[in-house]
Amino acid sequence: MSRYKLIYDEELVSEFLNLLPDESEDEIYYLSLFARKKYCPELIWSNDKTQLKRITSKKKDIIKKIKQLEVEYGLYDLNGRIVPQESLVIYIHPNPRSQKKAARHLMRKLTDIICDGSKGFNVYQEALSALQKSKSKGYFIDFDLDLDKSTFNAEKMVYENINKDAVTLIETRGGYHCLIEVARIDSNYKKIFYQNLKQYSDVEGDCFIPIPGTIQGVFEVKVVK
């Protein structure tokens, strides 16, 4: 019986997770599984980015949680049609989320829902949304570099603007994610790196990133050594 595949190299996933901070009692990591139409033309009936599952996890359990998403092929569907393997990507927020902040957001949201007399809401989904919005600390800044890899030297550009030991450069299907550990930024670059990298970036800040060691569409996401 065939199953969806998300992890192609568990060791690479572990190496990447080791770069992330050990979370405090209040903190938790947030991941999301998407089907992307731009990876798979068969999804002509769907939105470009359709969220299939979202989960939270302590760092030590992340690989196990991802494996639990590798369900029997066909169990993910959109409007009654099977989601193809080629459309899948699993993302993580490298900055853990604060459960206390999320609880405050959720209390305000649910109070508004009750007072407004809203119907059809889902408390579980509201809780997950509150967690996604509740970054704990800014351990990392990410720059999503959607560049033509055949003509643009991303490594040269990145390392001209930030010290190498502060960077984890992740090669993705459409380019790179430049994940920068804030505490490691050299003083020579602190005033210049953000604006210099921003000009090449589609999105920057507290971004979702594909996880090295997992499959993005049919592309194997990896850290550039």
N, C-alpha and C. Protein backbone atom coordinates (compact mmCIF):
# COMPACT_ATOMS: atom_id res chain seq x y z
N MET A 1 0.85 -1.19 0.00
CA MET A 1 0.00 0.00 0.00
C MET A 1 0.89 1.25 0.00
N SER A 2 0.72 2.12 -0.99
CA SER A 2 1.58 3.29 -1.12
C SER A 2 1.16 4.37 -0.12
N ARG A 3 2.13 5.18 0.27
CA ARG A 3 1.90 6.25 1.24
C ARG A 3 2.52 7.54 0.71
N TYR A 4 2.01 8.65 1.18
CA TYR A 4 2.65 9.92 0.88
C TYR A 4 4.04 9.95 1.52
N LYS A 5 4.98 10.62 0.85
CA LYS A 5 6.34 10.71 1.37
C LYS A 5 6.70 12.18 1.59
N LEU A 6 7.17 12.50 2.78
CA LEU A 6 7.60 13.86 3.09
C LEU A 6 9.09 13.91 3.41
N ILE A 7 9.61 12.93 4.12
CA ILE A 7 11.03 12.90 4.49
C ILE A 7 11.79 12.00 3.52
N TYR A 8 12.85 12.55 2.90
CA TYR A 8 13.71 11.71 2.06
C TYR A 8 15.04 11.39 2.74
N ASP A 9 15.43 12.19 3.76
CA ASP A 9 16.67 11.94 4.48
C ASP A 9 16.49 12.39 5.93
N GLU A 10 16.22 11.43 6.80
CA GLU A 10 15.95 11.76 8.21
C GLU A 10 17.16 12.40 8.89
N GLU A 11 18.36 12.01 8.48
CA GLU A 11 19.56 12.58 9.10
C GLU A 11 19.67 14.08 8.80
N LEU A 12 19.32 14.48 7.57
CA LEU A 12 19.35 15.90 7.22
C LEU A 12 18.32 16.68 8.02
N VAL A 13 17.15 16.09 8.22
CA VAL A 13 16.13 16.74 9.04
C VAL A 13 16.67 16.95 10.46
N SER A 14 17.30 15.92 11.01
CA SER A 14 17.84 16.00 12.37
C SER A 14 18.93 17.07 12.47
N GLU A 15 19.80 17.13 11.45
CA GLU A 15 20.87 18.14 11.46
C GLU A 15 20.29 19.54 11.46
N PHE A 16 19.24 19.75 10.69
CA PHE A 16 18.61 21.07 10.66
C PHE A 16 17.94 21.39 11.98
N LEU A 17 17.22 20.43 12.53
CA LEU A 17 16.54 20.68 13.81
C LEU A 17 17.53 20.99 14.92
N ASN A 18 18.73 20.45 14.83
CA ASN A 18 19.75 20.73 15.84
C ASN A 18 20.19 22.19 15.81
N LEU A 19 19.96 22.88 14.69
CA LEU A 19 20.29 24.30 14.60
C LEU A 19 19.26 25.18 15.31
N LEU A 20 18.07 24.64 15.52
CA LEU A 20 17.01 25.42 16.15
C LEU A 20 17.18 25.43 17.66
N PRO A 21 16.74 26.50 18.32
CA PRO A 21 16.91 26.57 19.78
C PRO A 21 16.07 25.53 20.51
N ASP A 22 16.61 25.05 21.61
CA ASP A 22 15.80 24.20 22.49
C ASP A 22 14.73 25.08 23.12
N GLU A 23 13.51 24.65 23.01
CA GLU A 23 12.41 25.50 23.44
C GLU A 23 12.26 25.49 24.95
N SER A 24 11.74 26.59 25.47
CA SER A 24 11.41 26.67 26.89
C SER A 24 10.08 25.95 27.13
N GLU A 25 9.68 25.89 28.38
CA GLU A 25 8.40 25.23 28.72
C GLU A 25 7.24 25.89 28.01
N ASP A 26 7.32 27.20 27.80
CA ASP A 26 6.23 27.96 27.17
C ASP A 26 6.24 27.82 25.65
N GLU A 27 7.38 27.47 25.06
CA GLU A 27 7.52 27.52 23.61
C GLU A 27 7.18 26.18 22.95
N ILE A 28 6.76 26.30 21.68
CA ILE A 28 6.43 25.12 20.89
C ILE A 28 6.64 25.46 19.42
N TYR A 29 6.97 24.47 18.60
CA TYR A 29 7.18 24.69 17.17
C TYR A 29 5.88 24.45 16.39
N TYR A 30 5.76 25.20 15.30
CA TYR A 30 4.55 25.17 14.49
C TYR A 30 4.92 24.76 13.05
N LEU A 31 4.25 23.72 12.54
CA LEU A 31 4.50 23.21 11.20
C LEU A 31 3.19 23.14 10.42
N SER A 32 3.31 23.17 9.09
CA SER A 32 2.11 23.10 8.26
C SER A 32 2.40 22.35 6.96
N LEU A 33 1.49 21.48 6.59
CA LEU A 33 1.57 20.73 5.34
C LEU A 33 0.66 21.38 4.31
N PHE A 34 1.24 21.70 3.15
CA PHE A 34 0.48 22.36 2.09
C PHE A 34 0.50 21.53 0.81
N ALA A 35 -0.55 21.72 0.00
CA ALA A 35 -0.56 21.30 -1.39
C ALA A 35 -0.42 22.57 -2.23
N ARG A 36 0.57 22.58 -3.13
CA ARG A 36 0.85 23.78 -3.94
C ARG A 36 0.53 23.50 -5.40
N LYS A 37 -0.35 24.32 -5.96
CA LYS A 37 -0.72 24.15 -7.36
C LYS A 37 0.46 24.44 -8.29
N LYS A 38 1.33 25.37 -7.90
CA LYS A 38 2.44 25.72 -8.80
C LYS A 38 3.45 24.58 -8.93
N TYR A 39 3.41 23.60 -8.01
CA TYR A 39 4.28 22.44 -8.13
C TYR A 39 3.63 21.36 -8.98
N CYS A 40 2.32 21.44 -9.15
CA CYS A 40 1.59 20.30 -9.73
C CYS A 40 0.38 20.81 -10.52
N PRO A 41 0.48 20.91 -11.85
CA PRO A 41 -0.63 21.42 -12.67
C PRO A 41 -1.93 20.64 -12.51
N GLU A 42 -1.85 19.40 -11.98
CA GLU A 42 -3.07 18.61 -11.80
C GLU A 42 -4.04 19.27 -10.82
N LEU A 43 -3.53 20.18 -9.97
CA LEU A 43 -4.38 20.85 -8.98
C LEU A 43 -5.06 22.09 -9.55
N ILE A 44 -5.52 22.00 -10.79
CA ILE A 44 -6.09 23.16 -11.46
C ILE A 44 -7.36 23.67 -10.77
N TRP A 45 -8.00 22.81 -9.96
CA TRP A 45 -9.25 23.21 -9.31
C TRP A 45 -9.02 23.88 -7.95
N SER A 46 -7.77 23.92 -7.48
CA SER A 46 -7.51 24.39 -6.12
C SER A 46 -6.85 25.76 -6.12
N ASN A 47 -6.76 26.35 -4.93
CA ASN A 47 -5.94 27.54 -4.75
C ASN A 47 -4.48 27.17 -4.88
N ASP A 48 -3.60 28.16 -5.09
CA ASP A 48 -2.18 27.85 -5.24
C ASP A 48 -1.64 27.18 -3.99
N LYS A 49 -2.02 27.67 -2.81
CA LYS A 49 -1.47 27.14 -1.57
C LYS A 49 -2.63 26.71 -0.68
N THR A 50 -2.85 25.41 -0.57
CA THR A 50 -3.94 24.88 0.23
C THR A 50 -3.39 24.14 1.43
N GLN A 51 -3.76 24.58 2.62
CA GLN A 51 -3.27 23.96 3.84
C GLN A 51 -4.03 22.67 4.11
N LEU A 52 -3.28 21.57 4.24
CA LEU A 52 -3.88 20.27 4.49
C LEU A 52 -3.89 19.93 5.97
N LYS A 53 -2.77 20.19 6.64
CA LYS A 53 -2.64 19.90 8.07
C LYS A 53 -1.74 20.94 8.70
N ARG A 54 -2.00 21.25 9.97
CA ARG A 54 -1.07 22.06 10.74
C ARG A 54 -0.95 21.45 12.13
N ILE A 55 0.29 21.44 12.61
CA ILE A 55 0.57 20.77 13.87
C ILE A 55 1.53 21.61 14.70
N THR A 56 1.56 21.33 15.99
CA THR A 56 2.56 21.90 16.88
C THR A 56 3.35 20.76 17.50
N SER A 57 4.59 21.05 17.88
CA SER A 57 5.42 19.97 18.40
C SER A 57 6.59 20.53 19.19
N LYS A 58 7.01 19.80 20.21
CA LYS A 58 8.30 20.03 20.81
C LYS A 58 9.37 19.54 19.83
N LYS A 59 10.55 20.14 19.89
CA LYS A 59 11.58 19.84 18.90
C LYS A 59 11.90 18.35 18.83
N LYS A 60 11.97 17.69 19.95
CA LYS A 60 12.36 16.28 19.98
C LYS A 60 11.36 15.37 19.28
N ASP A 61 10.13 15.86 19.08
CA ASP A 61 9.08 15.04 18.49
C ASP A 61 8.77 15.42 17.04
N ILE A 62 9.49 16.39 16.48
CA ILE A 62 9.12 16.90 15.16
C ILE A 62 9.20 15.82 14.08
N ILE A 63 10.28 15.05 14.05
CA ILE A 63 10.39 14.01 13.02
C ILE A 63 9.25 13.01 13.14
N LYS A 64 8.94 12.59 14.35
CA LYS A 64 7.84 11.66 14.56
C LYS A 64 6.52 12.27 14.06
N LYS A 65 6.31 13.55 14.35
CA LYS A 65 5.07 14.20 13.92
C LYS A 65 4.99 14.29 12.39
N ILE A 66 6.13 14.55 11.74
CA ILE A 66 6.12 14.59 10.27
C ILE A 66 5.80 13.21 9.70
N LYS A 67 6.41 12.17 10.29
CA LYS A 67 6.14 10.81 9.81
C LYS A 67 4.66 10.45 9.95
N GLN A 68 4.01 10.98 10.98
CA GLN A 68 2.58 10.70 11.17
C GLN A 68 1.73 11.34 10.08
N LEU A 69 2.30 12.30 9.34
CA LEU A 69 1.59 12.91 8.21
C LEU A 69 1.77 12.11 6.92
N GLU A 70 2.67 11.12 6.93
CA GLU A 70 2.91 10.30 5.74
C GLU A 70 1.87 9.17 5.69
N VAL A 71 0.65 9.56 5.45
CA VAL A 71 -0.48 8.64 5.52
C VAL A 71 -0.65 7.90 4.20
N GLU A 72 -1.59 6.95 4.21
CA GLU A 72 -1.92 6.20 2.99
C GLU A 72 -2.26 7.15 1.85
N TYR A 73 -1.71 6.86 0.66
CA TYR A 73 -1.96 7.72 -0.50
C TYR A 73 -3.45 7.79 -0.80
N GLY A 74 -3.94 9.02 -0.98
CA GLY A 74 -5.35 9.24 -1.28
C GLY A 74 -6.15 9.78 -0.11
N LEU A 75 -5.57 9.72 1.11
CA LEU A 75 -6.30 10.23 2.27
C LEU A 75 -6.31 11.75 2.33
N TYR A 76 -5.40 12.40 1.60
CA TYR A 76 -5.49 13.85 1.43
C TYR A 76 -6.29 14.12 0.17
N ASP A 77 -7.37 14.87 0.31
CA ASP A 77 -8.17 15.20 -0.87
C ASP A 77 -8.66 16.63 -0.78
N LEU A 78 -8.93 17.19 -1.95
CA LEU A 78 -9.49 18.54 -2.07
C LEU A 78 -10.72 18.45 -2.95
N ASN A 79 -11.86 18.81 -2.37
CA ASN A 79 -13.12 18.75 -3.11
C ASN A 79 -13.36 17.36 -3.72
N GLY A 80 -12.97 16.34 -2.95
CA GLY A 80 -13.23 14.97 -3.40
C GLY A 80 -12.19 14.41 -4.35
N ARG A 81 -11.16 15.19 -4.69
CA ARG A 81 -10.12 14.71 -5.59
C ARG A 81 -8.84 14.46 -4.80
N ILE A 82 -8.13 13.41 -5.15
CA ILE A 82 -6.92 13.03 -4.44
C ILE A 82 -5.83 14.08 -4.65
N VAL A 83 -5.17 14.45 -3.57
CA VAL A 83 -4.03 15.38 -3.65
C VAL A 83 -2.81 14.61 -4.12
N PRO A 84 -2.17 15.03 -5.22
CA PRO A 84 -1.00 14.31 -5.72
C PRO A 84 0.22 14.49 -4.81
N GLN A 85 1.06 13.48 -4.75
CA GLN A 85 2.31 13.55 -4.00
C GLN A 85 3.15 14.74 -4.44
N GLU A 86 3.15 15.01 -5.74
CA GLU A 86 4.02 16.04 -6.31
C GLU A 86 3.68 17.45 -5.87
N SER A 87 2.54 17.62 -5.20
CA SER A 87 2.11 18.96 -4.78
C SER A 87 2.51 19.30 -3.35
N LEU A 88 3.05 18.33 -2.59
CA LEU A 88 3.19 18.50 -1.15
C LEU A 88 4.48 19.21 -0.74
N VAL A 89 4.37 19.97 0.35
CA VAL A 89 5.52 20.60 0.99
C VAL A 89 5.19 20.78 2.47
N ILE A 90 6.18 20.50 3.33
CA ILE A 90 6.01 20.69 4.77
C ILE A 90 6.88 21.87 5.20
N TYR A 91 6.25 22.84 5.87
CA TYR A 91 6.93 24.06 6.32
C TYR A 91 7.04 24.08 7.84
N ILE A 92 8.02 24.85 8.33
CA ILE A 92 8.15 25.10 9.76
C ILE A 92 8.46 26.57 9.99
N HIS A 93 7.98 27.12 11.09
CA HIS A 93 8.46 28.40 11.58
C HIS A 93 9.71 28.11 12.42
N PRO A 94 10.89 28.56 12.00
CA PRO A 94 12.09 28.28 12.80
C PRO A 94 12.11 29.00 14.14
N ASN A 95 11.35 30.08 14.26
CA ASN A 95 11.17 30.72 15.56
C ASN A 95 10.02 30.02 16.30
N PRO A 96 10.27 29.45 17.48
CA PRO A 96 9.18 28.80 18.21
C PRO A 96 8.09 29.79 18.59
N ARG A 97 6.91 29.26 18.86
CA ARG A 97 5.75 30.09 19.22
C ARG A 97 5.59 30.09 20.74
N SER A 98 5.03 31.18 21.24
CA SER A 98 4.78 31.31 22.68
C SER A 98 3.34 30.89 22.98
N GLN A 99 3.18 29.89 23.85
CA GLN A 99 1.84 29.43 24.19
C GLN A 99 1.10 30.46 25.06
N LYS A 100 1.84 31.20 25.89
CA LYS A 100 1.19 32.23 26.71
C LYS A 100 0.64 33.35 25.84
N LYS A 101 1.44 33.80 24.88
CA LYS A 101 0.96 34.83 23.95
C LYS A 101 -0.26 34.32 23.19
N ALA A 102 -0.18 33.06 22.74
CA ALA A 102 -1.29 32.49 21.97
C ALA A 102 -2.55 32.41 22.82
N ALA A 103 -2.40 32.06 24.09
CA ALA A 103 -3.56 31.97 24.98
C ALA A 103 -4.25 33.33 25.11
N ARG A 104 -3.46 34.39 25.21
CA ARG A 104 -4.05 35.72 25.30
C ARG A 104 -4.78 36.09 24.01
N HIS A 105 -4.14 35.79 22.86
CA HIS A 105 -4.79 36.06 21.57
C HIS A 105 -6.10 35.28 21.46
N LEU A 106 -6.05 34.02 21.87
CA LEU A 106 -7.23 33.16 21.74
C LEU A 106 -8.36 33.63 22.64
N MET A 107 -8.05 34.04 23.86
CA MET A 107 -9.08 34.54 24.77
C MET A 107 -9.79 35.76 24.19
N ARG A 108 -9.01 36.68 23.63
CA ARG A 108 -9.62 37.87 23.01
C ARG A 108 -10.48 37.48 21.81
N LYS A 109 -9.96 36.57 20.98
CA LYS A 109 -10.69 36.16 19.79
C LYS A 109 -12.00 35.47 20.14
N LEU A 110 -11.94 34.53 21.10
CA LEU A 110 -13.16 33.80 21.47
C LEU A 110 -14.17 34.72 22.16
N THR A 111 -13.68 35.68 22.92
CA THR A 111 -14.59 36.66 23.54
C THR A 111 -15.32 37.45 22.47
N ASP A 112 -14.59 37.88 21.44
CA ASP A 112 -15.21 38.62 20.33
C ASP A 112 -16.24 37.75 19.61
N ILE A 113 -15.88 36.48 19.37
CA ILE A 113 -16.79 35.58 18.67
C ILE A 113 -18.10 35.40 19.45
N ILE A 114 -17.97 35.19 20.76
CA ILE A 114 -19.16 34.99 21.60
C ILE A 114 -20.01 36.25 21.67
N CYS A 115 -19.34 37.39 21.85
CA CYS A 115 -20.07 38.66 21.98
C CYS A 115 -20.75 39.05 20.67
N ASP A 116 -20.14 38.68 19.55
CA ASP A 116 -20.70 39.02 18.23
C ASP A 116 -21.77 38.03 17.79
N GLY A 117 -21.92 36.96 18.54
CA GLY A 117 -22.91 35.95 18.17
C GLY A 117 -22.55 35.18 16.93
N SER A 118 -21.25 35.03 16.68
CA SER A 118 -20.79 34.31 15.48
C SER A 118 -21.17 32.84 15.54
N LYS A 119 -21.37 32.25 14.38
CA LYS A 119 -21.71 30.83 14.30
C LYS A 119 -20.71 30.12 13.38
N GLY A 120 -20.57 28.82 13.60
CA GLY A 120 -19.75 28.01 12.71
C GLY A 120 -18.26 28.11 12.94
N PHE A 121 -17.85 28.67 14.08
CA PHE A 121 -16.41 28.76 14.34
C PHE A 121 -15.89 27.44 14.91
N ASN A 122 -14.56 27.29 14.83
CA ASN A 122 -13.89 26.08 15.27
C ASN A 122 -12.82 26.47 16.29
N VAL A 123 -13.03 26.12 17.54
CA VAL A 123 -12.12 26.55 18.61
C VAL A 123 -10.72 25.98 18.38
N TYR A 124 -10.63 24.75 17.93
CA TYR A 124 -9.32 24.12 17.69
C TYR A 124 -8.55 24.89 16.63
N GLN A 125 -9.21 25.23 15.52
CA GLN A 125 -8.54 25.97 14.46
C GLN A 125 -8.18 27.38 14.91
N GLU A 126 -9.04 27.99 15.72
CA GLU A 126 -8.72 29.32 16.25
C GLU A 126 -7.48 29.26 17.14
N ALA A 127 -7.35 28.18 17.90
CA ALA A 127 -6.18 28.02 18.77
C ALA A 127 -4.91 27.88 17.94
N LEU A 128 -4.95 27.10 16.86
CA LEU A 128 -3.78 26.95 16.01
C LEU A 128 -3.42 28.26 15.33
N SER A 129 -4.42 29.02 14.91
CA SER A 129 -4.15 30.33 14.30
C SER A 129 -3.49 31.26 15.30
N ALA A 130 -3.95 31.22 16.54
CA ALA A 130 -3.35 32.06 17.58
C ALA A 130 -1.90 31.68 17.81
N LEU A 131 -1.60 30.39 17.80
CA LEU A 131 -0.22 29.94 17.97
C LEU A 131 0.67 30.40 16.82
N GLN A 132 0.16 30.30 15.59
CA GLN A 132 0.97 30.72 14.46
C GLN A 132 1.35 32.20 14.56
N LYS A 133 0.45 33.01 15.05
CA LYS A 133 0.70 34.46 15.15
C LYS A 133 1.57 34.84 16.33
N SER A 134 1.87 33.90 17.22
CA SER A 134 2.49 34.24 18.51
C SER A 134 3.95 33.82 18.57
N LYS A 135 4.78 34.51 17.80
CA LYS A 135 6.22 34.26 17.86
C LYS A 135 6.73 34.53 19.27
N SER A 136 7.55 33.63 19.76
CA SER A 136 8.11 33.80 21.10
C SER A 136 9.22 34.85 21.09
N LYS A 137 10.35 34.51 20.49
CA LYS A 137 11.49 35.41 20.37
C LYS A 137 12.01 35.37 18.94
N GLY A 138 12.66 36.44 18.53
CA GLY A 138 13.21 36.49 17.17
C GLY A 138 14.59 35.89 17.11
N TYR A 139 14.67 34.57 17.26
CA TYR A 139 15.97 33.90 17.17
C TYR A 139 16.53 34.00 15.75
N PHE A 140 15.63 33.98 14.76
CA PHE A 140 16.04 33.97 13.35
C PHE A 140 15.31 35.03 12.55
N ILE A 141 16.00 35.51 11.50
CA ILE A 141 15.38 36.29 10.43
C ILE A 141 15.61 35.50 9.15
N ASP A 142 14.55 35.35 8.36
CA ASP A 142 14.65 34.58 7.12
C ASP A 142 14.40 35.48 5.92
N PHE A 143 15.15 35.23 4.84
CA PHE A 143 14.94 35.90 3.57
C PHE A 143 14.63 34.83 2.52
N ASP A 144 13.47 34.95 1.90
CA ASP A 144 13.04 34.01 0.87
C ASP A 144 13.51 34.52 -0.47
N LEU A 145 14.52 33.87 -1.03
CA LEU A 145 15.16 34.33 -2.26
C LEU A 145 14.69 33.46 -3.42
N ASP A 146 13.65 33.89 -4.12
CA ASP A 146 13.18 33.17 -5.30
C ASP A 146 13.95 33.70 -6.51
N LEU A 147 15.05 33.02 -6.83
CA LEU A 147 15.97 33.48 -7.86
C LEU A 147 16.18 32.40 -8.91
N ASP A 148 16.64 32.82 -10.08
CA ASP A 148 17.00 31.87 -11.13
C ASP A 148 18.34 31.24 -10.75
N LYS A 149 18.30 30.02 -10.27
CA LYS A 149 19.52 29.38 -9.77
C LYS A 149 20.55 29.14 -10.87
N SER A 150 20.11 29.12 -12.12
CA SER A 150 21.06 28.86 -13.21
C SER A 150 21.89 30.08 -13.56
N THR A 151 21.44 31.27 -13.18
CA THR A 151 22.16 32.49 -13.56
C THR A 151 22.59 33.34 -12.38
N PHE A 152 22.04 33.10 -11.19
CA PHE A 152 22.32 33.95 -10.04
C PHE A 152 23.12 33.19 -9.00
N ASN A 153 24.24 33.76 -8.58
CA ASN A 153 25.09 33.14 -7.56
C ASN A 153 24.63 33.60 -6.19
N ALA A 154 23.70 32.85 -5.60
CA ALA A 154 23.12 33.26 -4.32
C ALA A 154 24.15 33.22 -3.20
N GLU A 155 25.03 32.21 -3.21
CA GLU A 155 26.03 32.11 -2.15
C GLU A 155 26.93 33.34 -2.13
N LYS A 156 27.39 33.75 -3.28
CA LYS A 156 28.27 34.93 -3.36
C LYS A 156 27.55 36.16 -2.84
N MET A 157 26.30 36.37 -3.28
CA MET A 157 25.55 37.54 -2.85
C MET A 157 25.32 37.53 -1.35
N VAL A 158 24.91 36.40 -0.81
CA VAL A 158 24.60 36.32 0.62
C VAL A 158 25.83 36.59 1.46
N TYR A 159 26.95 35.93 1.13
CA TYR A 159 28.13 36.02 1.98
C TYR A 159 28.91 37.32 1.80
N GLU A 160 28.50 38.12 0.82
CA GLU A 160 29.03 39.49 0.72
C GLU A 160 28.32 40.42 1.70
N ASN A 161 27.17 39.99 2.20
CA ASN A 161 26.34 40.89 3.00
C ASN A 161 26.12 40.43 4.44
N ILE A 162 26.62 39.26 4.80
CA ILE A 162 26.44 38.74 6.16
C ILE A 162 27.55 37.73 6.44
N ASN A 163 28.01 37.67 7.67
CA ASN A 163 29.05 36.68 7.99
C ASN A 163 28.50 35.27 7.89
N LYS A 164 29.32 34.39 7.32
CA LYS A 164 28.88 33.05 6.96
C LYS A 164 28.42 32.23 8.15
N ASP A 165 29.06 32.42 9.32
CA ASP A 165 28.71 31.58 10.46
C ASP A 165 27.36 31.94 11.08
N ALA A 166 26.73 33.01 10.59
CA ALA A 166 25.39 33.38 11.06
C ALA A 166 24.30 32.82 10.15
N VAL A 167 24.71 32.20 9.04
CA VAL A 167 23.76 31.84 7.98
C VAL A 167 23.61 30.33 7.84
N THR A 168 22.35 29.91 7.67
CA THR A 168 22.03 28.58 7.14
C THR A 168 21.35 28.83 5.82
N LEU A 169 22.02 28.49 4.72
CA LEU A 169 21.47 28.72 3.39
C LEU A 169 20.80 27.44 2.90
N ILE A 170 19.51 27.52 2.68
CA ILE A 170 18.70 26.35 2.33
C ILE A 170 18.29 26.44 0.87
N GLU A 171 18.66 25.43 0.08
CA GLU A 171 18.24 25.39 -1.32
C GLU A 171 16.86 24.78 -1.42
N THR A 172 15.96 25.50 -2.08
CA THR A 172 14.58 25.06 -2.24
C THR A 172 14.26 24.89 -3.73
N ARG A 173 13.05 24.50 -3.99
CA ARG A 173 12.64 24.27 -5.38
C ARG A 173 12.79 25.52 -6.24
N GLY A 174 12.42 26.67 -5.67
CA GLY A 174 12.41 27.89 -6.47
C GLY A 174 13.54 28.85 -6.18
N GLY A 175 14.50 28.47 -5.35
CA GLY A 175 15.58 29.38 -5.01
C GLY A 175 16.25 28.97 -3.72
N TYR A 176 16.25 29.91 -2.75
CA TYR A 176 16.92 29.68 -1.48
C TYR A 176 16.17 30.37 -0.35
N HIS A 177 16.34 29.85 0.85
CA HIS A 177 15.98 30.57 2.07
C HIS A 177 17.28 30.87 2.80
N CYS A 178 17.50 32.13 3.10
CA CYS A 178 18.68 32.56 3.85
C CYS A 178 18.25 32.77 5.29
N LEU A 179 18.52 31.77 6.12
CA LEU A 179 18.10 31.79 7.52
C LEU A 179 19.26 32.31 8.37
N ILE A 180 19.04 33.43 9.04
CA ILE A 180 20.10 34.12 9.78
C ILE A 180 19.83 34.06 11.27
N GLU A 181 20.80 33.56 12.02
CA GLU A 181 20.70 33.53 13.47
C GLU A 181 21.13 34.89 14.01
N VAL A 182 20.17 35.61 14.59
CA VAL A 182 20.38 37.00 14.99
C VAL A 182 21.57 37.15 15.94
N ALA A 183 21.70 36.25 16.89
CA ALA A 183 22.75 36.37 17.90
C ALA A 183 24.15 36.23 17.32
N ARG A 184 24.27 35.69 16.12
CA ARG A 184 25.58 35.46 15.51
C ARG A 184 25.98 36.54 14.51
N ILE A 185 25.11 37.52 14.26
CA ILE A 185 25.43 38.54 13.27
C ILE A 185 26.61 39.38 13.74
N ASP A 186 27.64 39.45 12.89
CA ASP A 186 28.83 40.22 13.22
C ASP A 186 28.50 41.72 13.20
N SER A 187 29.15 42.47 14.07
CA SER A 187 28.88 43.91 14.18
C SER A 187 29.13 44.64 12.87
N ASN A 188 30.02 44.12 12.02
CA ASN A 188 30.31 44.77 10.74
C ASN A 188 29.13 44.73 9.77
N TYR A 189 28.19 43.82 10.02
CA TYR A 189 27.07 43.64 9.10
C TYR A 189 25.72 44.08 9.66
N LYS A 190 25.65 44.37 10.94
CA LYS A 190 24.35 44.62 11.58
C LYS A 190 23.56 45.75 10.93
N LYS A 191 24.25 46.77 10.45
CA LYS A 191 23.55 47.93 9.89
C LYS A 191 23.26 47.81 8.41
N ILE A 192 23.84 46.80 7.77
CA ILE A 192 23.71 46.74 6.31
C ILE A 192 23.01 45.49 5.79
N PHE A 193 23.04 44.38 6.55
CA PHE A 193 22.61 43.10 5.98
C PHE A 193 21.15 43.11 5.56
N TYR A 194 20.28 43.73 6.39
CA TYR A 194 18.84 43.61 6.15
C TYR A 194 18.45 44.26 4.82
N GLN A 195 18.81 45.51 4.63
CA GLN A 195 18.44 46.21 3.41
C GLN A 195 19.12 45.61 2.19
N ASN A 196 20.36 45.16 2.35
CA ASN A 196 21.07 44.58 1.21
C ASN A 196 20.46 43.26 0.76
N LEU A 197 20.03 42.43 1.70
CA LEU A 197 19.41 41.16 1.33
C LEU A 197 17.95 41.34 0.92
N LYS A 198 17.29 42.31 1.49
CA LYS A 198 15.87 42.55 1.21
C LYS A 198 15.61 42.82 -0.27
N GLN A 199 16.57 43.44 -0.94
CA GLN A 199 16.36 43.77 -2.36
C GLN A 199 16.29 42.52 -3.25
N TYR A 200 16.77 41.40 -2.74
CA TYR A 200 16.71 40.14 -3.50
C TYR A 200 15.60 39.21 -2.99
N SER A 201 14.89 39.65 -1.97
CA SER A 201 13.96 38.76 -1.26
C SER A 201 12.51 39.06 -1.62
N ASP A 202 11.71 37.99 -1.74
CA ASP A 202 10.27 38.15 -1.93
C ASP A 202 9.58 38.41 -0.60
N VAL A 203 10.01 37.70 0.42
CA VAL A 203 9.44 37.82 1.76
C VAL A 203 10.60 37.73 2.75
N GLU A 204 10.51 38.46 3.84
CA GLU A 204 11.55 38.38 4.84
C GLU A 204 10.95 38.53 6.24
N GLY A 205 11.69 38.04 7.24
CA GLY A 205 11.22 38.15 8.61
C GLY A 205 11.00 36.79 9.24
N ASP A 206 9.85 36.62 9.89
CA ASP A 206 9.49 35.39 10.58
C ASP A 206 8.75 34.48 9.60
N CYS A 207 9.49 33.90 8.67
CA CYS A 207 8.87 33.19 7.53
C CYS A 207 8.69 31.70 7.81
N PHE A 208 7.75 31.11 7.06
CA PHE A 208 7.66 29.67 6.91
C PHE A 208 8.80 29.22 6.00
N ILE A 209 9.47 28.12 6.33
CA ILE A 209 10.51 27.61 5.44
C ILE A 209 10.32 26.11 5.23
N PRO A 210 10.63 25.62 4.00
CA PRO A 210 10.65 24.17 3.78
C PRO A 210 11.77 23.55 4.61
N ILE A 211 11.58 22.34 5.07
CA ILE A 211 12.52 21.71 5.99
C ILE A 211 13.55 20.89 5.22
N PRO A 212 14.86 21.18 5.40
CA PRO A 212 15.88 20.35 4.76
C PRO A 212 15.72 18.88 5.15
N GLY A 213 15.88 18.02 4.14
CA GLY A 213 15.66 16.59 4.36
C GLY A 213 14.26 16.15 3.98
N THR A 214 13.40 17.12 3.59
CA THR A 214 12.05 16.78 3.15
C THR A 214 11.88 17.14 1.67
N ILE A 215 10.76 16.69 1.10
CA ILE A 215 10.50 16.87 -0.32
C ILE A 215 9.55 18.05 -0.53
N GLN A 216 9.93 18.95 -1.42
CA GLN A 216 9.11 20.10 -1.79
C GLN A 216 8.68 19.90 -3.25
N GLY A 217 7.44 19.48 -3.46
CA GLY A 217 7.05 19.04 -4.79
C GLY A 217 7.81 17.75 -5.09
N VAL A 218 8.70 17.82 -6.07
CA VAL A 218 9.59 16.67 -6.33
C VAL A 218 11.03 17.04 -5.99
N PHE A 219 11.25 18.21 -5.42
CA PHE A 219 12.60 18.69 -5.12
C PHE A 219 13.01 18.30 -3.71
N GLU A 220 14.25 17.87 -3.56
CA GLU A 220 14.78 17.49 -2.24
C GLU A 220 15.45 18.71 -1.61
N VAL A 221 14.80 19.26 -0.59
CA VAL A 221 15.30 20.46 0.09
C VAL A 221 16.56 20.11 0.87
N LYS A 222 17.59 20.99 0.79
CA LYS A 222 18.86 20.70 1.44
C LYS A 222 19.55 21.98 1.90
N VAL A 223 20.44 21.83 2.87
CA VAL A 223 21.28 22.93 3.31
C VAL A 223 22.49 22.98 2.41
N VAL A 224 22.82 24.19 1.93
CA VAL A 224 24.03 24.37 1.12
C VAL A 224 25.24 24.36 2.03
N LYS A 225 26.14 23.40 1.83
CA LYS A 225 27.31 23.25 2.69
C LYS A 225 28.42 24.21 2.24
